[in-house]
Amino acid sequence: MDIDRLFTHEAFQVLDEGQKTAYKQLDQDLQGKNTTEAMGIILQFQKSMPQGRKLTPEENQAMLVCIMESMPESDRKKFTDVYNFVSKMKG
C-alpha cells in the first residue's frame, strides 16, 4: 500500500501530522505479518495513537474504504478479519 498516496485522499485530510506519522509506522509494522500478529500490533497501536482531533464515525469509515480500495484482494480479507476482531474488542 502506498500510504503517502493514500494520505492525499480527502478522507485523510482530517489527520494531523502526528497521526499521519503514527499510521505510517503502523503500515511499516504490519508488513509481512500474519493475521494474529497484525491483531496484536493494531491493538497496541490503538493504545499509543497520538491524540489529535477525534474522528467521527463517518470519517473513520471513509478512511477504511480508502485503505481497503488500495489493498490487493488477498489483503482485504485479512484486513477485514483483523478490523472486525479489533472492533469487537473495543465493544
N, C-alpha and C. Protein backbone atom coordinates (compact mmCIF):
# COMPACT_ATOMS: atom_id res chain seq x y z
N MET A 1 0.85 -1.16 0.00
CA MET A 1 0.00 0.00 0.00
C MET A 1 0.90 1.23 0.00
N ASP A 2 0.59 2.20 -0.84
CA ASP A 2 1.33 3.45 -0.89
C ASP A 2 0.66 4.44 0.06
N ILE A 3 1.11 4.44 1.30
CA ILE A 3 0.44 5.23 2.33
C ILE A 3 0.56 6.73 2.08
N ASP A 4 1.67 7.18 1.49
CA ASP A 4 1.80 8.61 1.18
C ASP A 4 0.74 9.04 0.16
N ARG A 5 0.51 8.19 -0.84
CA ARG A 5 -0.52 8.48 -1.83
C ARG A 5 -1.90 8.44 -1.17
N LEU A 6 -2.08 7.50 -0.27
CA LEU A 6 -3.35 7.36 0.43
C LEU A 6 -3.67 8.63 1.22
N PHE A 7 -2.66 9.23 1.83
CA PHE A 7 -2.87 10.44 2.63
C PHE A 7 -3.30 11.64 1.79
N THR A 8 -3.15 11.58 0.49
CA THR A 8 -3.60 12.69 -0.35
C THR A 8 -5.12 12.65 -0.56
N HIS A 9 -5.73 11.51 -0.25
CA HIS A 9 -7.18 11.38 -0.40
C HIS A 9 -7.88 12.26 0.62
N GLU A 10 -8.99 12.83 0.22
CA GLU A 10 -9.74 13.76 1.06
C GLU A 10 -10.09 13.18 2.44
N ALA A 11 -10.36 11.90 2.51
CA ALA A 11 -10.76 11.29 3.79
C ALA A 11 -9.67 11.40 4.84
N PHE A 12 -8.41 11.51 4.41
CA PHE A 12 -7.30 11.55 5.35
C PHE A 12 -6.87 12.96 5.73
N GLN A 13 -7.52 13.96 5.18
CA GLN A 13 -7.15 15.34 5.48
C GLN A 13 -7.48 15.72 6.92
N VAL A 14 -8.29 14.92 7.59
CA VAL A 14 -8.66 15.22 8.98
C VAL A 14 -7.55 14.87 9.97
N LEU A 15 -6.56 14.10 9.53
CA LEU A 15 -5.47 13.69 10.42
C LEU A 15 -4.43 14.78 10.55
N ASP A 16 -3.91 14.95 11.76
CA ASP A 16 -2.80 15.88 11.92
C ASP A 16 -1.49 15.14 11.62
N GLU A 17 -0.38 15.85 11.61
CA GLU A 17 0.90 15.23 11.22
C GLU A 17 1.32 14.11 12.17
N GLY A 18 1.07 14.28 13.46
CA GLY A 18 1.40 13.24 14.42
C GLY A 18 0.64 11.95 14.14
N GLN A 19 -0.63 12.08 13.80
CA GLN A 19 -1.44 10.91 13.48
C GLN A 19 -0.96 10.26 12.18
N LYS A 20 -0.63 11.07 11.19
CA LYS A 20 -0.14 10.52 9.92
C LYS A 20 1.16 9.75 10.13
N THR A 21 2.04 10.31 10.95
CA THR A 21 3.30 9.63 11.24
C THR A 21 3.03 8.28 11.91
N ALA A 22 2.08 8.25 12.84
CA ALA A 22 1.74 7.00 13.54
C ALA A 22 1.18 5.98 12.56
N TYR A 23 0.33 6.40 11.63
CA TYR A 23 -0.23 5.48 10.63
C TYR A 23 0.86 4.96 9.69
N LYS A 24 1.82 5.81 9.35
CA LYS A 24 2.93 5.36 8.51
C LYS A 24 3.73 4.27 9.22
N GLN A 25 3.97 4.47 10.51
CA GLN A 25 4.69 3.46 11.28
C GLN A 25 3.87 2.18 11.38
N LEU A 26 2.57 2.30 11.57
CA LEU A 26 1.71 1.12 11.62
C LEU A 26 1.79 0.35 10.30
N ASP A 27 1.76 1.06 9.20
CA ASP A 27 1.86 0.42 7.89
C ASP A 27 3.16 -0.38 7.79
N GLN A 28 4.26 0.20 8.23
CA GLN A 28 5.55 -0.49 8.21
C GLN A 28 5.54 -1.70 9.14
N ASP A 29 4.96 -1.53 10.32
CA ASP A 29 4.94 -2.61 11.30
C ASP A 29 4.10 -3.81 10.85
N LEU A 30 3.10 -3.57 10.01
CA LEU A 30 2.21 -4.64 9.56
C LEU A 30 2.76 -5.42 8.36
N GLN A 31 3.80 -4.89 7.72
CA GLN A 31 4.36 -5.55 6.54
C GLN A 31 4.80 -6.98 6.89
N GLY A 32 4.28 -7.95 6.14
CA GLY A 32 4.69 -9.34 6.29
C GLY A 32 4.15 -10.06 7.50
N LYS A 33 3.23 -9.44 8.24
CA LYS A 33 2.68 -10.07 9.44
C LYS A 33 1.46 -10.92 9.10
N ASN A 34 1.28 -12.00 9.86
CA ASN A 34 0.06 -12.78 9.68
C ASN A 34 -1.06 -12.12 10.48
N THR A 35 -2.27 -12.65 10.37
CA THR A 35 -3.44 -12.03 10.99
C THR A 35 -3.28 -11.92 12.51
N THR A 36 -2.79 -12.96 13.15
CA THR A 36 -2.62 -12.94 14.60
C THR A 36 -1.63 -11.86 15.02
N GLU A 37 -0.50 -11.80 14.34
CA GLU A 37 0.50 -10.78 14.65
C GLU A 37 -0.07 -9.38 14.41
N ALA A 38 -0.82 -9.23 13.31
CA ALA A 38 -1.40 -7.93 12.97
C ALA A 38 -2.39 -7.47 14.05
N MET A 39 -3.17 -8.39 14.59
CA MET A 39 -4.13 -8.02 15.64
C MET A 39 -3.41 -7.41 16.84
N GLY A 40 -2.34 -8.03 17.27
CA GLY A 40 -1.58 -7.51 18.40
C GLY A 40 -0.99 -6.14 18.10
N ILE A 41 -0.47 -5.97 16.91
CA ILE A 41 0.11 -4.68 16.52
C ILE A 41 -0.96 -3.60 16.50
N ILE A 42 -2.12 -3.92 15.96
CA ILE A 42 -3.19 -2.93 15.86
C ILE A 42 -3.74 -2.58 17.25
N LEU A 43 -3.88 -3.57 18.10
CA LEU A 43 -4.34 -3.28 19.47
C LEU A 43 -3.36 -2.35 20.19
N GLN A 44 -2.07 -2.61 20.04
CA GLN A 44 -1.06 -1.74 20.64
C GLN A 44 -1.10 -0.35 20.03
N PHE A 45 -1.30 -0.28 18.72
CA PHE A 45 -1.40 0.99 18.01
C PHE A 45 -2.54 1.84 18.58
N GLN A 46 -3.67 1.20 18.81
CA GLN A 46 -4.83 1.94 19.33
C GLN A 46 -4.52 2.56 20.68
N LYS A 47 -3.74 1.87 21.50
CA LYS A 47 -3.40 2.38 22.83
C LYS A 47 -2.41 3.55 22.76
N SER A 48 -1.56 3.54 21.73
CA SER A 48 -0.50 4.53 21.66
C SER A 48 -0.73 5.62 20.62
N MET A 49 -1.86 5.58 19.92
CA MET A 49 -2.14 6.55 18.87
C MET A 49 -2.13 7.97 19.42
N PRO A 50 -1.39 8.89 18.77
CA PRO A 50 -1.41 10.28 19.22
C PRO A 50 -2.84 10.83 19.23
N GLN A 51 -3.14 11.57 20.25
CA GLN A 51 -4.50 12.10 20.40
C GLN A 51 -4.65 13.43 19.66
N GLY A 52 -5.04 13.34 18.42
CA GLY A 52 -5.39 14.53 17.66
C GLY A 52 -6.89 14.74 17.80
N ARG A 53 -7.45 15.39 16.84
CA ARG A 53 -8.89 15.58 16.83
C ARG A 53 -9.56 14.21 16.72
N LYS A 54 -10.59 13.97 17.50
CA LYS A 54 -11.33 12.71 17.49
C LYS A 54 -12.05 12.57 16.15
N LEU A 55 -11.91 11.41 15.51
CA LEU A 55 -12.55 11.18 14.23
C LEU A 55 -14.02 10.82 14.42
N THR A 56 -14.86 11.33 13.53
CA THR A 56 -16.27 10.94 13.56
C THR A 56 -16.40 9.54 12.96
N PRO A 57 -17.48 8.84 13.23
CA PRO A 57 -17.67 7.52 12.60
C PRO A 57 -17.63 7.60 11.08
N GLU A 58 -18.16 8.67 10.51
CA GLU A 58 -18.16 8.84 9.05
C GLU A 58 -16.74 9.01 8.51
N GLU A 59 -15.92 9.80 9.21
CA GLU A 59 -14.54 9.99 8.79
C GLU A 59 -13.77 8.68 8.89
N ASN A 60 -13.99 7.96 9.97
CA ASN A 60 -13.32 6.69 10.17
C ASN A 60 -13.71 5.71 9.05
N GLN A 61 -14.98 5.66 8.71
CA GLN A 61 -15.45 4.77 7.65
C GLN A 61 -14.84 5.17 6.30
N ALA A 62 -14.77 6.45 6.01
CA ALA A 62 -14.19 6.91 4.75
C ALA A 62 -12.72 6.48 4.64
N MET A 63 -12.00 6.58 5.74
CA MET A 63 -10.60 6.16 5.75
C MET A 63 -10.49 4.66 5.51
N LEU A 64 -11.35 3.87 6.14
CA LEU A 64 -11.32 2.42 5.95
C LEU A 64 -11.59 2.03 4.51
N VAL A 65 -12.55 2.70 3.89
CA VAL A 65 -12.86 2.41 2.48
C VAL A 65 -11.65 2.70 1.61
N CYS A 66 -10.99 3.82 1.84
CA CYS A 66 -9.80 4.19 1.06
C CYS A 66 -8.69 3.16 1.24
N ILE A 67 -8.48 2.76 2.48
CA ILE A 67 -7.43 1.78 2.76
C ILE A 67 -7.73 0.47 2.04
N MET A 68 -8.96 0.01 2.14
CA MET A 68 -9.31 -1.27 1.52
C MET A 68 -9.22 -1.20 0.00
N GLU A 69 -9.60 -0.07 -0.58
CA GLU A 69 -9.52 0.07 -2.04
C GLU A 69 -8.08 0.00 -2.53
N SER A 70 -7.14 0.38 -1.69
CA SER A 70 -5.74 0.41 -2.11
C SER A 70 -5.05 -0.94 -1.91
N MET A 71 -5.75 -1.90 -1.30
CA MET A 71 -5.14 -3.20 -0.99
C MET A 71 -5.37 -4.22 -2.10
N PRO A 72 -4.43 -5.13 -2.25
CA PRO A 72 -4.70 -6.27 -3.12
C PRO A 72 -5.84 -7.09 -2.51
N GLU A 73 -6.58 -7.78 -3.36
CA GLU A 73 -7.74 -8.56 -2.92
C GLU A 73 -7.39 -9.52 -1.77
N SER A 74 -6.24 -10.15 -1.86
CA SER A 74 -5.84 -11.12 -0.82
C SER A 74 -5.68 -10.46 0.55
N ASP A 75 -5.25 -9.21 0.56
CA ASP A 75 -5.05 -8.50 1.83
C ASP A 75 -6.36 -7.96 2.41
N ARG A 76 -7.35 -7.74 1.54
CA ARG A 76 -8.63 -7.19 2.02
C ARG A 76 -9.29 -8.13 3.02
N LYS A 77 -9.27 -9.42 2.74
CA LYS A 77 -9.88 -10.41 3.64
C LYS A 77 -9.18 -10.37 5.00
N LYS A 78 -7.85 -10.37 4.98
CA LYS A 78 -7.08 -10.32 6.21
C LYS A 78 -7.39 -9.04 6.98
N PHE A 79 -7.42 -7.93 6.28
CA PHE A 79 -7.70 -6.64 6.91
C PHE A 79 -9.10 -6.65 7.53
N THR A 80 -10.07 -7.16 6.80
CA THR A 80 -11.45 -7.21 7.29
C THR A 80 -11.54 -8.07 8.55
N ASP A 81 -10.87 -9.21 8.54
CA ASP A 81 -10.86 -10.08 9.72
C ASP A 81 -10.27 -9.37 10.93
N VAL A 82 -9.12 -8.72 10.73
CA VAL A 82 -8.46 -8.02 11.83
C VAL A 82 -9.33 -6.86 12.31
N TYR A 83 -9.88 -6.10 11.38
CA TYR A 83 -10.71 -4.95 11.74
C TYR A 83 -11.93 -5.40 12.55
N ASN A 84 -12.59 -6.46 12.10
CA ASN A 84 -13.77 -6.95 12.82
C ASN A 84 -13.40 -7.42 14.22
N PHE A 85 -12.27 -8.09 14.34
CA PHE A 85 -11.81 -8.56 15.65
C PHE A 85 -11.54 -7.37 16.57
N VAL A 86 -10.82 -6.39 16.08
CA VAL A 86 -10.48 -5.22 16.89
C VAL A 86 -11.74 -4.45 17.26
N SER A 87 -12.68 -4.35 16.35
CA SER A 87 -13.94 -3.64 16.63
C SER A 87 -14.71 -4.32 17.77
N LYS A 88 -14.73 -5.64 17.76
CA LYS A 88 -15.40 -6.38 18.83
C LYS A 88 -14.70 -6.16 20.17
N MET A 89 -13.37 -6.06 20.14
CA MET A 89 -12.60 -5.83 21.38
C MET A 89 -12.91 -4.47 21.98
N LYS A 90 -13.15 -3.49 21.11
CA LYS A 90 -13.44 -2.13 21.58
C LYS A 90 -14.83 -2.05 22.18
N GLY A 91 -15.69 -2.98 21.75
CA GLY A 91 -17.03 -3.07 22.32
C GLY A 91 -17.95 -2.10 21.75
